Amino acid sequence: MIIKKITLMLGLCASLAVHAEVKDLDKVVAIVDDDVIMNSELQRRLDLVKGQTAKAKVNLPDAAQLRSQVLERLIVESIQLQIAERAGMRLSDQELTQTIEKIAQQNKMNMAQFKKALEADGVDYNEAREQIRREKITAEVQRYRVGSQIQISDQDIDAFLRSSQGQSATAEEYHLSHIMVQVPSQPSRDDLKKAEARAADMVKQLKNGADFKQMAIALSEGRNALNGGDLGWRKAAELPSIFADVVPGMKNGEVLGPIKSSSGFHIIKLEEKRGGTEVLVDQTSVRHILIKPNELRNDKACQAQIKEIYDRIKAGEDFAELAKKYSDDPGSALAGGDLGWVNPGDMVPEFDRTMASTPEGQVSKPFATQFGWHILQVLDHRKEDLGQQIQRNQARQFLYSRRFEEELPIWLRQIRSEAYVEIKDAQ
């Protein structure tokens, strides 16, 4: 499922010439089904577009063509907002505020700084909120009306993974660091012997805990020495030929060398690898009991009840039987509270933290989440290879995104053609 990334059209980068004195009375410029677009709304959007493009140094079409394009954008936007209204789609003030806070964080600002930045660009904060609300709702309409019709089959995924594009997109990548000990262009046997001994001594120090980055800066003669020997992320096909055979078999953090080449001796460290068909994930087998507030039981009463259940388990009563009798999680209660094997990040943060800090075989103290009060018991741990599952999920996401981008313009043209639109004033 894809929700399109919200781009703040009002943008922090826009230098806007807005709020010019309005001398004419406002008027309707277009009727769109049950909605109208006012001249003032069109002018505000025109000002925003001009501000953005001026900052980006983009050449705009002539005034009449630009006005027509922006009006058409508003018409299609209005149609989508009316579809959302009829479908009962709403965005609460709290959800809108959370979205704006996320945008501010992405721009490395708090809310006060974000508002000041908007102000400096001549953008009214309330107008910004309204535009973000409209974009968020139209994105949800698109996901609902277009995204829900896109079906990616297992056969589609298999075909994609077999293709050269699929193999490239999901190939394993390696983050490498490198130290090089050079030799002269025509080295003597003694030159080679000394250089190899020097590199071997470095490898010994690194395996005994020496800092790779510091050693690269101090001693490496490679091109990347001053940035700690960092070679960045490379796919297998992008690896230097002298490393290509050995890197795929290395483990994260492993140091290997000296590796001889015509230019000298090399030491490499695999910082990290990602993608490919092997991704080991630490999983936890866990069960829990949940007590939720309801019409007859407030939060304080829930806390008291979970404490009583915790005490009974500590006194020797069976966790599974108490879960079946008392837990308000219908999905796990019948199984004695068993949640199966859980991946990091599957649960809400409070549950994740408690699960991670609870020793195997132990029962946690009562803790609260947004769902109510819990206790949990960690039963077991294991490492599971989810590489193929993750790879297939990535392929599904790629195919979905591509199909969505193909289908969206078709749908937008369709709803535009089916709507009643009357343009009242072209200028």
Protein backbone atom coordinates (compact mmCIF):
# COMPACT_ATOMS: atom_id res chain seq x y z
CA MET A 1 0.00 0.00 0.00
CA ILE A 2 1.33 3.34 -0.98
CA ILE A 3 0.56 6.69 0.44
CA LYS A 4 2.16 9.42 -1.73
CA LYS A 5 4.71 11.56 0.01
CA ILE A 6 3.23 14.95 0.85
CA THR A 7 5.18 17.74 -0.76
CA LEU A 8 4.57 21.03 0.91
CA MET A 9 3.52 23.04 -2.12
CA LEU A 10 3.62 26.10 -0.02
CA GLY A 11 7.23 25.10 0.61
CA LEU A 12 9.82 26.57 2.81
CA CYS A 13 11.76 27.44 -0.32
CA ALA A 14 9.07 29.57 -1.93
CA SER A 15 9.66 33.25 -1.97
CA LEU A 16 6.13 34.44 -2.45
CA ALA A 17 4.69 37.73 -3.46
CA VAL A 18 1.36 37.18 -1.75
CA HIS A 19 -1.38 39.12 -0.08
CA ALA A 20 -1.36 41.94 -2.64
CA GLU A 21 -4.14 44.39 -2.09
CA VAL A 22 -7.38 43.03 -3.57
CA LYS A 23 -9.34 45.76 -5.29
CA ASP A 24 -11.93 43.73 -7.21
CA LEU A 25 -14.74 41.85 -5.54
CA ASP A 26 -14.24 38.08 -5.39
CA LYS A 27 -16.03 36.07 -8.06
CA VAL A 28 -16.64 32.49 -9.16
CA VAL A 29 -14.24 31.35 -11.87
CA ALA A 30 -15.44 27.73 -12.16
CA ILE A 31 -18.27 25.47 -11.04
CA VAL A 32 -17.17 21.88 -10.35
CA ASP A 33 -20.08 19.53 -9.59
CA ASP A 34 -21.27 20.75 -6.15
CA ASP A 35 -18.28 23.03 -5.54
CA VAL A 36 -17.13 26.41 -6.81
CA ILE A 37 -13.63 27.81 -7.30
CA MET A 38 -13.27 31.49 -6.44
CA ASN A 39 -10.97 33.97 -8.12
CA SER A 40 -9.19 34.63 -4.80
CA GLU A 41 -8.40 30.90 -4.47
CA LEU A 42 -7.02 30.81 -8.00
CA GLN A 43 -4.89 33.91 -7.37
CA ARG A 44 -3.42 32.43 -4.16
CA ARG A 45 -2.46 29.25 -5.99
CA LEU A 46 -0.95 31.25 -8.86
CA ASP A 47 1.14 33.22 -6.37
CA LEU A 48 2.36 30.00 -4.78
CA VAL A 49 3.37 28.50 -8.13
CA LYS A 50 5.16 31.69 -9.17
CA GLY A 51 7.01 31.80 -5.85
CA GLN A 52 8.18 28.21 -6.13
CA THR A 53 9.29 28.46 -9.73
CA ALA A 54 11.08 31.77 -9.12
CA LYS A 55 13.12 30.13 -6.36
CA ALA A 56 13.87 27.15 -8.63
CA LYS A 57 14.64 29.45 -11.59
CA VAL A 58 12.07 27.71 -13.82
CA ASN A 59 10.67 29.53 -16.85
CA LEU A 60 6.87 29.76 -16.72
CA PRO A 61 4.46 29.81 -19.68
CA ASP A 62 2.68 33.06 -20.50
CA ALA A 63 0.17 34.41 -17.97
CA ALA A 64 -2.96 33.12 -19.73
CA GLN A 65 -1.58 29.61 -20.16
CA LEU A 66 -0.34 29.49 -16.57
CA ARG A 67 -3.73 30.65 -15.28
CA SER A 68 -5.43 27.92 -17.34
CA GLN A 69 -3.06 25.22 -16.06
CA VAL A 70 -3.45 26.21 -12.40
CA LEU A 71 -7.24 26.43 -12.75
CA GLU A 72 -7.29 22.93 -14.25
CA ARG A 73 -5.23 21.66 -11.31
CA LEU A 74 -7.74 23.19 -8.88
CA ILE A 75 -10.64 21.63 -10.78
CA VAL A 76 -9.17 18.11 -10.59
CA GLU A 77 -8.31 18.68 -6.92
CA SER A 78 -11.90 19.77 -6.19
CA ILE A 79 -13.30 16.63 -7.86
CA GLN A 80 -11.10 14.41 -5.66
CA LEU A 81 -12.03 16.29 -2.49
CA GLN A 82 -15.72 15.84 -3.31
CA ILE A 83 -15.16 12.11 -3.86
CA ALA A 84 -13.54 11.99 -0.41
CA GLU A 85 -16.46 13.89 1.12
CA ARG A 86 -19.02 11.49 -0.34
CA ALA A 87 -16.95 8.50 0.86
CA GLY A 88 -16.81 9.92 4.40
CA MET A 89 -13.04 10.42 4.39
CA ARG A 90 -11.97 12.84 7.08
CA LEU A 91 -8.70 14.16 8.46
CA SER A 92 -8.95 15.15 12.10
CA ASP A 93 -7.19 18.22 13.48
CA GLN A 94 -4.96 15.91 15.52
CA GLU A 95 -3.93 13.87 12.45
CA LEU A 96 -3.30 17.06 10.50
CA THR A 97 -1.14 18.48 13.29
CA GLN A 98 0.86 15.25 13.45
CA THR A 99 1.43 15.41 9.68
CA ILE A 100 2.66 19.01 9.91
CA GLU A 101 4.95 18.14 12.83
CA LYS A 102 6.44 15.36 10.68
CA ILE A 103 7.06 17.81 7.82
CA ALA A 104 8.75 20.19 10.28
CA GLN A 105 10.96 17.36 11.60
CA GLN A 106 11.95 16.39 8.05
CA ASN A 107 13.12 19.99 7.62
CA LYS A 108 15.00 19.73 10.97
CA MET A 109 12.72 22.28 12.68
CA ASN A 110 10.36 22.41 15.63
CA MET A 111 6.89 23.84 15.14
CA ALA A 112 7.84 27.36 16.21
CA GLN A 113 10.72 27.43 13.72
CA PHE A 114 8.50 25.97 11.02
CA LYS A 115 5.88 28.68 11.47
CA LYS A 116 8.57 31.38 11.38
CA ALA A 117 9.98 29.91 8.16
CA LEU A 118 6.54 30.00 6.55
CA GLU A 119 6.06 33.55 7.76
CA ALA A 120 9.41 34.59 6.29
CA ASP A 121 8.29 33.25 2.91
CA GLY A 122 4.98 35.12 3.12
CA VAL A 123 2.90 31.99 3.72
CA ASP A 124 0.06 32.14 6.21
CA TYR A 125 0.22 29.14 8.60
CA ASN A 126 -3.55 28.51 8.40
CA GLU A 127 -3.36 28.48 4.61
CA ALA A 128 -0.48 26.03 4.86
CA ARG A 129 -2.55 23.76 7.10
CA GLU A 130 -5.42 23.85 4.65
CA GLN A 131 -3.21 23.02 1.67
CA ILE A 132 -1.59 20.11 3.52
CA ARG A 133 -5.05 18.86 4.49
CA ARG A 134 -6.16 18.93 0.85
CA GLU A 135 -3.03 17.11 -0.33
CA LYS A 136 -3.32 14.47 2.38
CA ILE A 137 -6.97 13.79 1.54
CA THR A 138 -6.41 13.66 -2.23
CA ALA A 139 -3.51 11.23 -1.69
CA GLU A 140 -5.82 9.01 0.36
CA VAL A 141 -8.53 9.17 -2.34
CA GLN A 142 -5.97 8.15 -4.96
CA ARG A 143 -4.78 5.26 -2.80
CA TYR A 144 -8.37 4.15 -2.22
CA ARG A 145 -9.68 4.49 -5.78
CA VAL A 146 -6.54 3.61 -7.77
CA GLY A 147 -4.28 1.69 -5.40
CA SER A 148 -6.99 -0.72 -4.27
CA GLN A 149 -7.51 -1.84 -7.89
CA ILE A 150 -3.86 -2.81 -8.40
CA GLN A 151 -3.18 -6.49 -7.88
CA ILE A 152 0.40 -7.82 -7.89
CA SER A 153 0.46 -11.59 -8.25
CA ASP A 154 3.17 -14.01 -7.17
CA GLN A 155 3.77 -14.68 -10.88
CA ASP A 156 4.39 -10.93 -11.43
CA ILE A 157 6.95 -10.93 -8.61
CA ASP A 158 8.68 -14.07 -9.89
CA ALA A 159 8.98 -12.60 -13.39
CA PHE A 160 10.35 -9.31 -12.03
CA LEU A 161 12.96 -11.05 -9.87
CA ARG A 162 14.13 -13.06 -12.90
CA SER A 163 14.51 -9.93 -15.02
CA SER A 164 17.77 -7.97 -15.21
CA GLN A 165 15.99 -4.94 -13.75
CA GLY A 166 14.70 -6.97 -10.81
CA GLN A 167 18.07 -8.57 -10.14
CA SER A 168 19.73 -5.15 -10.15
CA ALA A 169 17.08 -3.58 -7.88
CA THR A 170 17.29 -6.34 -5.28
CA ALA A 171 21.00 -7.20 -5.52
CA GLU A 172 23.07 -7.39 -2.37
CA GLU A 173 25.06 -4.24 -1.56
CA TYR A 174 28.22 -3.91 0.49
CA HIS A 175 29.54 -1.00 2.56
CA LEU A 176 33.34 -1.29 2.48
CA SER A 177 36.30 0.46 4.04
CA HIS A 178 39.77 0.19 2.53
CA ILE A 179 43.45 0.61 3.44
CA MET A 180 46.18 0.46 0.79
CA VAL A 181 49.94 -0.02 1.12
CA GLN A 182 51.50 1.09 -2.15
CA VAL A 183 54.56 -0.35 -3.89
CA PRO A 184 56.74 1.35 -6.54
CA SER A 185 55.73 1.00 -10.20
CA GLN A 186 58.54 -1.52 -10.70
CA PRO A 187 58.97 -3.05 -7.21
CA SER A 188 61.87 -5.21 -6.22
CA ARG A 189 61.37 -8.44 -4.31
CA ASP A 190 62.44 -6.57 -1.15
CA ASP A 191 59.89 -3.80 -1.81
CA LEU A 192 57.12 -6.36 -2.05
CA LYS A 193 58.25 -8.19 1.05
CA LYS A 194 58.37 -5.02 3.16
CA ALA A 195 54.99 -3.75 1.92
CA GLU A 196 53.32 -7.10 2.57
CA ALA A 197 54.80 -7.29 6.07
CA ARG A 198 53.61 -3.77 6.82
CA ALA A 199 50.07 -4.61 5.62
CA ALA A 200 50.05 -7.87 7.58
CA ASP A 201 51.01 -5.98 10.74
CA MET A 202 48.11 -3.58 10.19
CA VAL A 203 45.69 -6.51 9.76
CA LYS A 204 46.95 -7.99 13.04
CA GLN A 205 46.38 -4.67 14.85
CA LEU A 206 42.89 -4.29 13.37
CA LYS A 207 41.90 -7.80 14.41
CA ASN A 208 43.13 -6.96 17.92
CA GLY A 209 40.77 -3.98 18.11
CA ALA A 210 42.55 -1.06 16.40
CA ASP A 211 40.24 1.54 14.86
CA PHE A 212 40.02 1.01 11.09
CA LYS A 213 39.06 4.61 10.29
CA GLN A 214 41.90 6.13 12.30
CA MET A 215 44.42 3.72 10.81
CA ALA A 216 43.22 4.50 7.28
CA ILE A 217 43.59 8.25 7.87
CA ALA A 218 47.06 7.84 9.40
CA LEU A 219 48.59 5.12 7.24
CA SER A 220 46.59 4.34 4.09
CA GLU A 221 47.94 5.44 0.72
CA GLY A 222 44.62 4.92 -1.05
CA ARG A 223 42.48 7.71 -2.58
CA ASN A 224 39.90 7.47 0.23
CA ALA A 225 42.39 7.63 3.09
CA LEU A 226 41.33 11.03 4.45
CA ASN A 227 37.71 9.94 4.89
CA GLY A 228 38.72 6.86 6.86
CA GLY A 229 39.03 4.62 3.81
CA ASP A 230 35.24 4.66 3.28
CA LEU A 231 34.35 3.28 -0.17
CA GLY A 232 30.59 3.69 0.39
CA TRP A 233 27.91 1.25 -0.75
CA ARG A 234 28.69 -0.94 -3.77
CA LYS A 235 26.71 -3.64 -5.54
CA ALA A 236 28.63 -6.82 -6.39
CA ALA A 237 29.06 -5.72 -10.02
CA GLU A 238 30.58 -2.43 -8.84
CA LEU A 239 33.26 -3.98 -6.62
CA PRO A 240 36.92 -3.72 -7.70
CA SER A 241 37.83 -6.98 -9.39
CA ILE A 242 40.43 -7.88 -6.74
CA PHE A 243 37.68 -7.80 -4.05
CA ALA A 244 34.78 -9.25 -6.05
CA ASP A 245 35.42 -12.89 -5.16
CA VAL A 246 36.00 -12.42 -1.43
CA VAL A 247 33.54 -9.72 -0.31
CA PRO A 248 30.29 -11.74 -0.78
CA GLY A 249 31.56 -14.33 1.68
CA MET A 250 32.56 -11.85 4.39
CA LYS A 251 30.61 -11.17 7.58
CA ASN A 252 29.68 -7.72 8.89
CA GLY A 253 32.69 -6.20 10.69
CA GLU A 254 35.17 -8.69 9.23
CA VAL A 255 38.65 -7.47 8.21
CA LEU A 256 40.45 -9.22 5.37
CA GLY A 257 43.94 -8.84 3.90
CA PRO A 258 46.57 -8.34 2.76
CA ILE A 259 45.19 -8.73 -0.80
CA LYS A 260 47.88 -8.29 -3.47
CA SER A 261 47.42 -6.27 -6.66
CA SER A 262 49.74 -4.62 -9.17
CA SER A 263 49.57 -1.37 -7.18
CA GLY A 264 50.23 -2.79 -3.73
CA PHE A 265 48.57 -4.58 -0.84
CA HIS A 266 44.98 -3.95 0.28
CA ILE A 267 43.05 -4.40 3.51
CA ILE A 268 39.26 -4.29 3.45
CA LYS A 269 36.59 -4.22 6.11
CA LEU A 270 32.95 -5.10 5.48
CA GLU A 271 31.08 -2.50 7.51
CA GLU A 272 27.63 -3.73 6.58
CA LYS A 273 25.69 -5.47 3.84
CA ARG A 274 22.06 -5.15 2.80
CA GLY A 275 19.65 -6.62 0.29
CA GLY A 276 20.23 -9.97 -1.34
CA THR A 277 18.67 -13.21 -0.23
CA GLU A 278 19.92 -13.44 3.35
CA VAL A 279 18.66 -11.12 6.08
CA LEU A 280 18.94 -12.56 9.59
CA VAL A 281 16.40 -11.10 12.02
CA ASP A 282 16.28 -11.62 15.79
CA GLN A 283 12.80 -12.94 16.57
CA THR A 284 11.15 -13.37 19.96
CA SER A 285 8.49 -15.89 20.91
CA VAL A 286 6.20 -14.01 23.31
CA ARG A 287 2.77 -14.18 24.91
CA HIS A 288 0.82 -11.48 26.69
CA ILE A 289 -2.30 -10.55 28.61
CA LEU A 290 -4.11 -7.29 27.79
CA ILE A 291 -6.65 -5.47 29.95
CA LYS A 292 -8.42 -2.64 28.08
CA PRO A 293 -10.54 0.21 29.44
CA ASN A 294 -14.25 0.06 28.61
CA GLU A 295 -17.54 1.61 29.70
CA LEU A 296 -17.38 -0.14 33.08
CA ARG A 297 -13.62 -0.07 33.69
CA ASN A 298 -11.39 3.00 33.61
CA ASP A 299 -7.60 3.10 33.23
CA LYS A 300 -6.99 2.91 36.98
CA ALA A 301 -9.18 -0.18 37.30
CA CYS A 302 -7.32 -1.81 34.37
CA GLN A 303 -4.00 -1.16 36.10
CA ALA A 304 -5.30 -2.72 39.31
CA GLN A 305 -6.57 -5.82 37.48
CA ILE A 306 -3.37 -6.43 35.51
CA LYS A 307 -1.41 -6.07 38.75
CA GLU A 308 -3.61 -8.71 40.37
CA ILE A 309 -3.08 -11.09 37.40
CA TYR A 310 0.68 -10.45 37.55
CA ASP A 311 0.73 -11.33 41.25
CA ARG A 312 -1.21 -14.53 40.60
CA ILE A 313 1.30 -15.63 37.92
CA LYS A 314 4.17 -14.87 40.30
CA ALA A 315 2.39 -17.00 42.91
CA GLY A 316 2.39 -19.96 40.51
CA GLU A 317 -0.82 -19.78 38.48
CA ASP A 318 -0.65 -20.69 34.78
CA PHE A 319 -0.08 -17.77 32.39
CA ALA A 320 -1.97 -19.38 29.49
CA GLU A 321 -5.07 -20.15 31.56
CA LEU A 322 -5.21 -16.60 32.93
CA ALA A 323 -4.80 -15.22 29.40
CA LYS A 324 -7.72 -17.32 28.15
CA LYS A 325 -9.88 -16.13 31.03
CA TYR A 326 -8.99 -12.44 31.28
CA SER A 327 -7.14 -11.11 28.21
CA ASP A 328 -8.98 -8.54 26.09
CA ASP A 329 -6.93 -9.41 23.00
CA PRO A 330 -9.26 -11.79 21.13
CA GLY A 331 -6.57 -12.65 18.58
CA SER A 332 -4.29 -14.25 21.16
CA ALA A 333 -6.48 -15.02 24.19
CA LEU A 334 -7.71 -18.39 22.90
CA ALA A 335 -4.08 -19.42 22.31
CA GLY A 336 -3.15 -18.60 25.89
CA GLY A 337 -1.90 -15.13 24.94
CA ASP A 338 0.58 -16.53 22.38
CA LEU A 339 1.64 -13.94 19.76
CA GLY A 340 3.96 -16.31 17.93
CA TRP A 341 7.36 -15.18 16.64
CA VAL A 342 7.64 -11.39 16.69
CA ASN A 343 10.11 -9.26 14.69
CA PRO A 344 11.64 -6.06 16.08
CA GLY A 345 9.33 -3.17 15.19
CA ASP A 346 6.22 -5.34 14.77
CA MET A 347 4.74 -4.03 18.02
CA VAL A 348 4.20 -0.55 19.42
CA PRO A 349 7.40 0.95 20.96
CA GLU A 350 6.41 0.37 24.61
CA PHE A 351 5.74 -3.32 23.91
CA ASP A 352 8.97 -3.66 21.90
CA ARG A 353 11.08 -2.10 24.68
CA THR A 354 9.54 -4.27 27.40
CA MET A 355 9.93 -7.41 25.29
CA ALA A 356 13.60 -6.61 24.60
CA SER A 357 14.39 -6.00 28.28
CA THR A 358 12.59 -9.07 29.67
CA PRO A 359 14.82 -12.14 30.16
CA GLU A 360 13.81 -15.41 28.54
CA GLY A 361 11.30 -17.31 30.65
CA GLN A 362 10.45 -14.26 32.76
CA VAL A 363 7.19 -12.28 33.06
CA SER A 364 7.39 -8.50 32.72
CA LYS A 365 5.94 -6.10 35.23
CA PRO A 366 2.65 -4.45 34.12
CA PHE A 367 3.11 -1.71 31.51
CA ALA A 368 0.79 0.54 29.53
CA THR A 369 0.43 1.11 25.77
CA GLN A 370 -2.19 2.91 23.71
CA PHE A 371 -4.26 -0.28 23.83
CA GLY A 372 -4.39 -0.70 27.60
CA TRP A 373 -2.35 -2.50 30.30
CA HIS A 374 -0.20 -5.55 29.52
CA ILE A 375 2.06 -8.14 31.00
CA LEU A 376 4.17 -10.33 28.72
CA GLN A 377 6.31 -13.43 28.96
CA VAL A 378 9.30 -14.07 26.71
CA LEU A 379 9.38 -17.76 25.76
CA ASP A 380 12.29 -18.07 23.32
CA HIS A 381 14.63 -16.30 20.88
CA ARG A 382 15.87 -17.26 17.41
CA LYS A 383 17.51 -15.82 14.30
CA GLU A 384 15.36 -16.20 11.21
CA ASP A 385 16.41 -15.57 7.62
CA LEU A 386 13.75 -13.26 6.17
CA GLY A 387 15.84 -12.36 3.13
CA GLN A 388 13.56 -13.91 0.51
CA GLN A 389 10.44 -12.52 2.16
CA ILE A 390 11.96 -9.01 2.31
CA GLN A 391 13.18 -9.30 -1.28
CA ARG A 392 9.71 -10.27 -2.49
CA ASN A 393 8.14 -7.44 -0.50
CA GLN A 394 10.58 -4.98 -2.12
CA ALA A 395 9.70 -6.36 -5.55
CA ARG A 396 5.97 -6.08 -4.81
CA GLN A 397 6.42 -2.48 -3.68
CA PHE A 398 8.41 -1.60 -6.81
CA LEU A 399 5.80 -3.14 -9.12
CA TYR A 400 2.95 -1.49 -7.21
CA SER A 401 4.60 1.94 -7.45
CA ARG A 402 5.21 1.57 -11.16
CA ARG A 403 1.63 0.40 -11.81
CA PHE A 404 0.22 3.17 -9.62
CA GLU A 405 2.09 5.85 -11.59
CA GLU A 406 0.73 4.37 -14.82
CA GLU A 407 -2.88 4.11 -13.63
CA LEU A 408 -3.20 7.42 -11.76
CA PRO A 409 -3.20 9.76 -14.82
CA ILE A 410 -5.81 7.52 -16.51
CA TRP A 411 -8.09 7.74 -13.47
CA LEU A 412 -7.64 11.51 -13.15
CA ARG A 413 -8.63 11.97 -16.81
CA GLN A 414 -11.66 9.74 -16.24
CA ILE A 415 -13.02 11.62 -13.22
CA ARG A 416 -12.39 14.93 -15.00
CA SER A 417 -14.39 13.84 -18.04
CA GLU A 418 -17.27 12.58 -15.87
CA ALA A 419 -17.58 15.72 -13.74
CA TYR A 420 -19.72 18.73 -14.51
CA VAL A 421 -17.34 21.65 -15.01
CA GLU A 422 -18.33 25.13 -16.09
CA ILE A 423 -15.55 27.71 -16.44
CA LYS A 424 -17.19 31.08 -15.77
CA ASP A 425 -14.33 33.42 -16.46
CA ALA A 426 -11.17 32.69 -18.37
CA GLN A 427 -9.46 35.88 -17.24
